[in-house]
Amino acid sequence: DCGWAFVTNGQWKLREPIRARLDRIRIRWIQVSLDSVNAETYPEIRKGGALATVLETIDALIEYRDRRK
């Protein structure tokens, strides 16, 4: 009966192995922490990061959430 909550910087891809693991648990929420909404500033704050990657992850998480409903 445990509900999981996650906070992430979103610098990863929501691939099938991750989806399969998430499918096995009850998720309360997933929070994505944005370091910047400016694509040029983002990698200065999140070294090696890219705003585009985070935005893709957010889109994938929304799609995943809607599929799970």
PDB file of N, CA and C in Angstrom:
ATOM      1  N   ASP A   1       0.810  -1.204   0.000  1.00  0.00           N
ATOM      2  CA  ASP A   1       0.000   0.000   0.000  1.00  0.00           C
ATOM      3  C   ASP A   1       0.848   1.260   0.000  1.00  0.00           C
ATOM      4  N   CYS A   2       2.111   1.128  -0.302  1.00  0.00           N
ATOM      5  CA  CYS A   2       3.008   2.270  -0.318  1.00  0.00           C
ATOM      6  C   CYS A   2       2.796   3.080  -1.591  1.00  0.00           C
ATOM      7  N   GLY A   3       2.712   4.393  -1.463  1.00  0.00           N
ATOM      8  CA  GLY A   3       2.637   5.279  -2.619  1.00  0.00           C
ATOM      9  C   GLY A   3       3.963   5.998  -2.776  1.00  0.00           C
ATOM     10  N   TRP A   4       4.517   5.953  -3.954  1.00  0.00           N
ATOM     11  CA  TRP A   4       5.836   6.518  -4.206  1.00  0.00           C
ATOM     12  C   TRP A   4       5.736   7.934  -4.755  1.00  0.00           C
ATOM     13  N   ALA A   5       6.668   8.775  -4.362  1.00  0.00           N
ATOM     14  CA  ALA A   5       6.789  10.133  -4.876  1.00  0.00           C
ATOM     15  C   ALA A   5       8.239  10.332  -5.306  1.00  0.00           C
ATOM     16  N   PHE A   6       8.424  10.963  -6.430  1.00  0.00           N
ATOM     17  CA  PHE A   6       9.763  11.159  -6.987  1.00  0.00           C
ATOM     18  C   PHE A   6       9.999  12.620  -7.315  1.00  0.00           C
ATOM     19  N   VAL A   7      11.222  13.065  -7.126  1.00  0.00           N
ATOM     20  CA  VAL A   7      11.686  14.362  -7.596  1.00  0.00           C
ATOM     21  C   VAL A   7      12.888  14.085  -8.493  1.00  0.00           C
ATOM     22  N   THR A   8      12.882  14.679  -9.669  1.00  0.00           N
ATOM     23  CA  THR A   8      13.945  14.427 -10.643  1.00  0.00           C
ATOM     24  C   THR A   8      14.315  15.713 -11.359  1.00  0.00           C
ATOM     25  N   ASN A   9      15.524  15.756 -11.901  1.00  0.00           N
ATOM     26  CA  ASN A   9      15.904  16.896 -12.740  1.00  0.00           C
ATOM     27  C   ASN A   9      15.524  16.646 -14.196  1.00  0.00           C
ATOM     28  N   GLY A  10      15.009  15.464 -14.510  1.00  0.00           N
ATOM     29  CA  GLY A  10      14.520  15.161 -15.853  1.00  0.00           C
ATOM     30  C   GLY A  10      15.591  14.924 -16.898  1.00  0.00           C
ATOM     31  N   GLN A  11      16.831  14.776 -16.495  1.00  0.00           N
ATOM     32  CA  GLN A  11      17.930  14.574 -17.446  1.00  0.00           C
ATOM     33  C   GLN A  11      18.097  13.095 -17.786  1.00  0.00           C
ATOM     34  N   TRP A  12      17.018  12.476 -18.233  1.00  0.00           N
ATOM     35  CA  TRP A  12      17.024  11.068 -18.609  1.00  0.00           C
ATOM     36  C   TRP A  12      15.852  10.838 -19.560  1.00  0.00           C
ATOM     37  N   LYS A  13      15.865   9.722 -20.224  1.00  0.00           N
ATOM     38  CA  LYS A  13      14.793   9.341 -21.155  1.00  0.00           C
ATOM     39  C   LYS A  13      13.900   8.299 -20.486  1.00  0.00           C
ATOM     40  N   LEU A  14      12.604   8.431 -20.657  1.00  0.00           N
ATOM     41  CA  LEU A  14      11.643   7.473 -20.094  1.00  0.00           C
ATOM     42  C   LEU A  14      11.557   6.288 -21.061  1.00  0.00           C
ATOM     43  N   ARG A  15      12.492   5.372 -20.906  1.00  0.00           N
ATOM     44  CA  ARG A  15      12.568   4.192 -21.780  1.00  0.00           C
ATOM     45  C   ARG A  15      11.772   3.042 -21.178  1.00  0.00           C
ATOM     46  N   GLU A  16      11.589   2.017 -21.965  1.00  0.00           N
ATOM     47  CA  GLU A  16      10.752   0.875 -21.568  1.00  0.00           C
ATOM     48  C   GLU A  16      11.177   0.210 -20.252  1.00  0.00           C
ATOM     49  N   PRO A  17      12.460   0.004 -19.997  1.00  0.00           N
ATOM     50  CA  PRO A  17      12.817  -0.613 -18.705  1.00  0.00           C
ATOM     51  C   PRO A  17      12.334   0.207 -17.496  1.00  0.00           C
ATOM     52  N   ILE A  18      12.397   1.524 -17.617  1.00  0.00           N
ATOM     53  CA  ILE A  18      11.909   2.383 -16.524  1.00  0.00           C
ATOM     54  C   ILE A  18      10.395   2.288 -16.437  1.00  0.00           C
ATOM     55  N   ARG A  19       9.710   2.351 -17.577  1.00  0.00           N
ATOM     56  CA  ARG A  19       8.243   2.231 -17.585  1.00  0.00           C
ATOM     57  C   ARG A  19       7.788   0.923 -16.942  1.00  0.00           C
ATOM     58  N   ALA A  20       8.457  -0.153 -17.291  1.00  0.00           N
ATOM     59  CA  ALA A  20       8.088  -1.463 -16.751  1.00  0.00           C
ATOM     60  C   ALA A  20       8.207  -1.485 -15.235  1.00  0.00           C
ATOM     61  N   ARG A  21       9.227  -0.853 -14.703  1.00  0.00           N
ATOM     62  CA  ARG A  21       9.384  -0.803 -13.244  1.00  0.00           C
ATOM     63  C   ARG A  21       8.336   0.103 -12.608  1.00  0.00           C
ATOM     64  N   LEU A  22       8.074   1.241 -13.252  1.00  0.00           N
ATOM     65  CA  LEU A  22       7.053   2.145 -12.720  1.00  0.00           C
ATOM     66  C   LEU A  22       5.666   1.501 -12.738  1.00  0.00           C
ATOM     67  N   ASP A  23       5.408   0.669 -13.735  1.00  0.00           N
ATOM     68  CA  ASP A  23       4.115  -0.010 -13.838  1.00  0.00           C
ATOM     69  C   ASP A  23       3.832  -0.893 -12.621  1.00  0.00           C
ATOM     70  N   ARG A  24       4.864  -1.297 -11.921  1.00  0.00           N
ATOM     71  CA  ARG A  24       4.690  -2.229 -10.802  1.00  0.00           C
ATOM     72  C   ARG A  24       4.439  -1.526  -9.465  1.00  0.00           C
ATOM     73  N   ILE A  25       4.461  -0.205  -9.445  1.00  0.00           N
ATOM     74  CA  ILE A  25       4.282   0.500  -8.176  1.00  0.00           C
ATOM     75  C   ILE A  25       3.148   1.515  -8.271  1.00  0.00           C
ATOM     76  N   ARG A  26       2.671   1.934  -7.106  1.00  0.00           N
ATOM     77  CA  ARG A  26       1.652   2.988  -7.047  1.00  0.00           C
ATOM     78  C   ARG A  26       2.385   4.314  -6.900  1.00  0.00           C
ATOM     79  N   ILE A  27       2.203   5.189  -7.873  1.00  0.00           N
ATOM     80  CA  ILE A  27       2.896   6.472  -7.894  1.00  0.00           C
ATOM     81  C   ILE A  27       1.944   7.556  -7.392  1.00  0.00           C
ATOM     82  N   ARG A  28       2.372   8.273  -6.367  1.00  0.00           N
ATOM     83  CA  ARG A  28       1.605   9.412  -5.873  1.00  0.00           C
ATOM     84  C   ARG A  28       1.824  10.610  -6.781  1.00  0.00           C
ATOM     85  N   TRP A  29       3.081  10.909  -7.059  1.00  0.00           N
ATOM     86  CA  TRP A  29       3.422  11.994  -7.971  1.00  0.00           C
ATOM     87  C   TRP A  29       4.876  11.905  -8.384  1.00  0.00           C
ATOM     88  N   ILE A  30       5.168  12.559  -9.526  1.00  0.00           N
ATOM     89  CA  ILE A  30       6.533  12.733  -9.991  1.00  0.00           C
ATOM     90  C   ILE A  30       6.713  14.227 -10.234  1.00  0.00           C
ATOM     91  N   GLN A  31       7.700  14.793  -9.582  1.00  0.00           N
ATOM     92  CA  GLN A  31       7.985  16.223  -9.696  1.00  0.00           C
ATOM     93  C   GLN A  31       9.264  16.407 -10.493  1.00  0.00           C
ATOM     94  N   VAL A  32       9.215  17.306 -11.477  1.00  0.00           N
ATOM     95  CA  VAL A  32      10.403  17.621 -12.256  1.00  0.00           C
ATOM     96  C   VAL A  32      10.864  19.024 -11.862  1.00  0.00           C
ATOM     97  N   SER A  33      12.087  19.109 -11.397  1.00  0.00           N
ATOM     98  CA  SER A  33      12.671  20.371 -10.975  1.00  0.00           C
ATOM     99  C   SER A  33      13.406  21.000 -12.157  1.00  0.00           C
ATOM    100  N   LEU A  34      12.969  22.175 -12.566  1.00  0.00           N
ATOM    101  CA  LEU A  34      13.612  22.870 -13.684  1.00  0.00           C
ATOM    102  C   LEU A  34      14.637  23.865 -13.160  1.00  0.00           C
ATOM    103  N   ASP A  35      15.848  23.786 -13.658  1.00  0.00           N
ATOM    104  CA  ASP A  35      16.884  24.725 -13.253  1.00  0.00           C
ATOM    105  C   ASP A  35      16.750  26.054 -13.986  1.00  0.00           C
ATOM    106  N   SER A  36      16.170  26.019 -15.178  1.00  0.00           N
ATOM    107  CA  SER A  36      15.942  27.225 -15.970  1.00  0.00           C
ATOM    108  C   SER A  36      14.983  26.861 -17.104  1.00  0.00           C
ATOM    109  N   VAL A  37      14.247  27.840 -17.580  1.00  0.00           N
ATOM    110  CA  VAL A  37      13.407  27.616 -18.758  1.00  0.00           C
ATOM    111  C   VAL A  37      14.032  28.252 -19.996  1.00  0.00           C
ATOM    112  N   ASN A  38      15.238  28.751 -19.843  1.00  0.00           N
ATOM    113  CA  ASN A  38      15.984  29.334 -20.940  1.00  0.00           C
ATOM    114  C   ASN A  38      17.007  28.313 -21.420  1.00  0.00           C
ATOM    115  N   ALA A  39      16.885  27.908 -22.671  1.00  0.00           N
ATOM    116  CA  ALA A  39      17.755  26.851 -23.221  1.00  0.00           C
ATOM    117  C   ALA A  39      19.237  27.216 -23.176  1.00  0.00           C
ATOM    118  N   GLU A  40      19.555  28.497 -23.258  1.00  0.00           N
ATOM    119  CA  GLU A  40      20.962  28.913 -23.230  1.00  0.00           C
ATOM    120  C   GLU A  40      21.518  28.934 -21.807  1.00  0.00           C
ATOM    121  N   THR A  41      20.664  29.286 -20.852  1.00  0.00           N
ATOM    122  CA  THR A  41      21.087  29.363 -19.457  1.00  0.00           C
ATOM    123  C   THR A  41      21.133  27.984 -18.802  1.00  0.00           C
ATOM    124  N   TYR A  42      20.249  27.108 -19.223  1.00  0.00           N
ATOM    125  CA  TYR A  42      20.106  25.801 -18.579  1.00  0.00           C
ATOM    126  C   TYR A  42      21.434  25.053 -18.405  1.00  0.00           C
ATOM    127  N   PRO A  43      22.245  24.866 -19.465  1.00  0.00           N
ATOM    128  CA  PRO A  43      23.488  24.099 -19.285  1.00  0.00           C
ATOM    129  C   PRO A  43      24.529  24.810 -18.412  1.00  0.00           C
ATOM    130  N   GLU A  44      24.379  26.107 -18.221  1.00  0.00           N
ATOM    131  CA  GLU A  44      25.279  26.824 -17.316  1.00  0.00           C
ATOM    132  C   GLU A  44      24.967  26.469 -15.865  1.00  0.00           C
ATOM    133  N   ILE A  45      23.699  26.221 -15.594  1.00  0.00           N
ATOM    134  CA  ILE A  45      23.267  25.874 -14.238  1.00  0.00           C
ATOM    135  C   ILE A  45      23.388  24.375 -14.004  1.00  0.00           C
ATOM    136  N   ARG A  46      22.847  23.575 -14.942  1.00  0.00           N
ATOM    137  CA  ARG A  46      22.893  22.113 -14.841  1.00  0.00           C
ATOM    138  C   ARG A  46      23.993  21.642 -15.775  1.00  0.00           C
ATOM    139  N   LYS A  47      25.199  21.513 -15.253  1.00  0.00           N
ATOM    140  CA  LYS A  47      26.360  21.156 -16.069  1.00  0.00           C
ATOM    141  C   LYS A  47      26.092  19.876 -16.860  1.00  0.00           C
ATOM    142  N   GLY A  48      26.290  19.970 -18.171  1.00  0.00           N
ATOM    143  CA  GLY A  48      26.071  18.823 -19.038  1.00  0.00           C
ATOM    144  C   GLY A  48      24.604  18.573 -19.371  1.00  0.00           C
ATOM    145  N   GLY A  49      23.726  19.418 -18.857  1.00  0.00           N
ATOM    146  CA  GLY A  49      22.295  19.229 -19.075  1.00  0.00           C
ATOM    147  C   GLY A  49      21.796  19.975 -20.298  1.00  0.00           C
ATOM    148  N   ALA A  50      20.588  19.641 -20.696  1.00  0.00           N
ATOM    149  CA  ALA A  50      19.946  20.301 -21.835  1.00  0.00           C
ATOM    150  C   ALA A  50      18.460  20.453 -21.536  1.00  0.00           C
ATOM    151  N   LEU A  51      17.957  21.653 -21.710  1.00  0.00           N
ATOM    152  CA  LEU A  51      16.533  21.906 -21.479  1.00  0.00           C
ATOM    153  C   LEU A  51      15.676  21.019 -22.376  1.00  0.00           C
ATOM    154  N   ALA A  52      16.103  20.790 -23.604  1.00  0.00           N
ATOM    155  CA  ALA A  52      15.332  19.953 -24.531  1.00  0.00           C
ATOM    156  C   ALA A  52      15.118  18.547 -23.967  1.00  0.00           C
ATOM    157  N   THR A  53      16.123  17.996 -23.310  1.00  0.00           N
ATOM    158  CA  THR A  53      15.995  16.665 -22.705  1.00  0.00           C
ATOM    159  C   THR A  53      14.934  16.674 -21.621  1.00  0.00           C
ATOM    160  N   VAL A  54      14.953  17.693 -20.773  1.00  0.00           N
ATOM    161  CA  VAL A  54      13.968  17.800 -19.696  1.00  0.00           C
ATOM    162  C   VAL A  54      12.559  17.925 -20.271  1.00  0.00           C
ATOM    163  N   LEU A  55      12.398  18.749 -21.279  1.00  0.00           N
ATOM    164  CA  LEU A  55      11.073  18.937 -21.875  1.00  0.00           C
ATOM    165  C   LEU A  55      10.565  17.645 -22.518  1.00  0.00           C
ATOM    166  N   GLU A  56      11.449  16.885 -23.142  1.00  0.00           N
ATOM    167  CA  GLU A  56      11.064  15.587 -23.704  1.00  0.00           C
ATOM    168  C   GLU A  56      10.647  14.629 -22.590  1.00  0.00           C
ATOM    169  N   THR A  57      11.376  14.640 -21.496  1.00  0.00           N
ATOM    170  CA  THR A  57      11.040  13.774 -20.361  1.00  0.00           C
ATOM    171  C   THR A  57       9.693  14.164 -19.770  1.00  0.00           C
ATOM    172  N   ILE A  58       9.434  15.452 -19.643  1.00  0.00           N
ATOM    173  CA  ILE A  58       8.144  15.910 -19.125  1.00  0.00           C
ATOM    174  C   ILE A  58       7.015  15.439 -20.038  1.00  0.00           C
ATOM    175  N   ASP A  59       7.176  15.617 -21.343  1.00  0.00           N
ATOM    176  CA  ASP A  59       6.155  15.151 -22.294  1.00  0.00           C
ATOM    177  C   ASP A  59       5.931  13.646 -22.163  1.00  0.00           C
ATOM    178  N   ALA A  60       7.014  12.890 -22.042  1.00  0.00           N
ATOM    179  CA  ALA A  60       6.899  11.435 -21.907  1.00  0.00           C
ATOM    180  C   ALA A  60       6.205  11.056 -20.597  1.00  0.00           C
ATOM    181  N   LEU A  61       6.502  11.772 -19.517  1.00  0.00           N
ATOM    182  CA  LEU A  61       5.852  11.492 -18.236  1.00  0.00           C
ATOM    183  C   LEU A  61       4.360  11.805 -18.270  1.00  0.00           C
ATOM    184  N   ILE A  62       3.984  12.873 -18.955  1.00  0.00           N
ATOM    185  CA  ILE A  62       2.559  13.202 -19.101  1.00  0.00           C
ATOM    186  C   ILE A  62       1.852  12.111 -19.892  1.00  0.00           C
ATOM    187  N   GLU A  63       2.464  11.681 -20.988  1.00  0.00           N
ATOM    188  CA  GLU A  63       1.898  10.597 -21.795  1.00  0.00           C
ATOM    189  C   GLU A  63       1.782   9.314 -20.961  1.00  0.00           C
ATOM    190  N   TYR A  64       2.811   9.025 -20.196  1.00  0.00           N
ATOM    191  CA  TYR A  64       2.803   7.837 -19.340  1.00  0.00           C
ATOM    192  C   TYR A  64       1.688   7.941 -18.296  1.00  0.00           C
ATOM    193  N   ARG A  65       1.557   9.084 -17.655  1.00  0.00           N
ATOM    194  CA  ARG A  65       0.495   9.291 -16.668  1.00  0.00           C
ATOM    195  C   ARG A  65      -0.886   9.051 -17.284  1.00  0.00           C
ATOM    196  N   ASP A  66      -1.108   9.618 -18.455  1.00  0.00           N
ATOM    197  CA  ASP A  66      -2.412   9.476 -19.101  1.00  0.00           C
ATOM    198  C   ASP A  66      -2.689   8.041 -19.502  1.00  0.00           C
ATOM    199  N   ARG A  67      -1.660   7.318 -19.892  1.00  0.00           N
ATOM    200  CA  ARG A  67      -1.821   5.904 -20.261  1.00  0.00           C
ATOM    201  C   ARG A  67      -2.166   5.064 -19.045  1.00  0.00           C
ATOM    202  N   ARG A  68      -1.601   5.406 -17.903  1.00  0.00           N
ATOM    203  CA  ARG A  68      -1.847   4.652 -16.669  1.00  0.00           C
ATOM    204  C   ARG A  68      -3.243   4.848 -16.100  1.00  0.00           C
ATOM    205  N   LYS A  69      -3.887   5.936 -16.416  1.00  0.00           N
ATOM    206  CA  LYS A  69      -5.205   6.228 -15.831  1.00  0.00           C
ATOM    207  C   LYS A  69      -6.220   5.175 -16.198  1.00  0.00           C
TER     208      LYS A  69
END
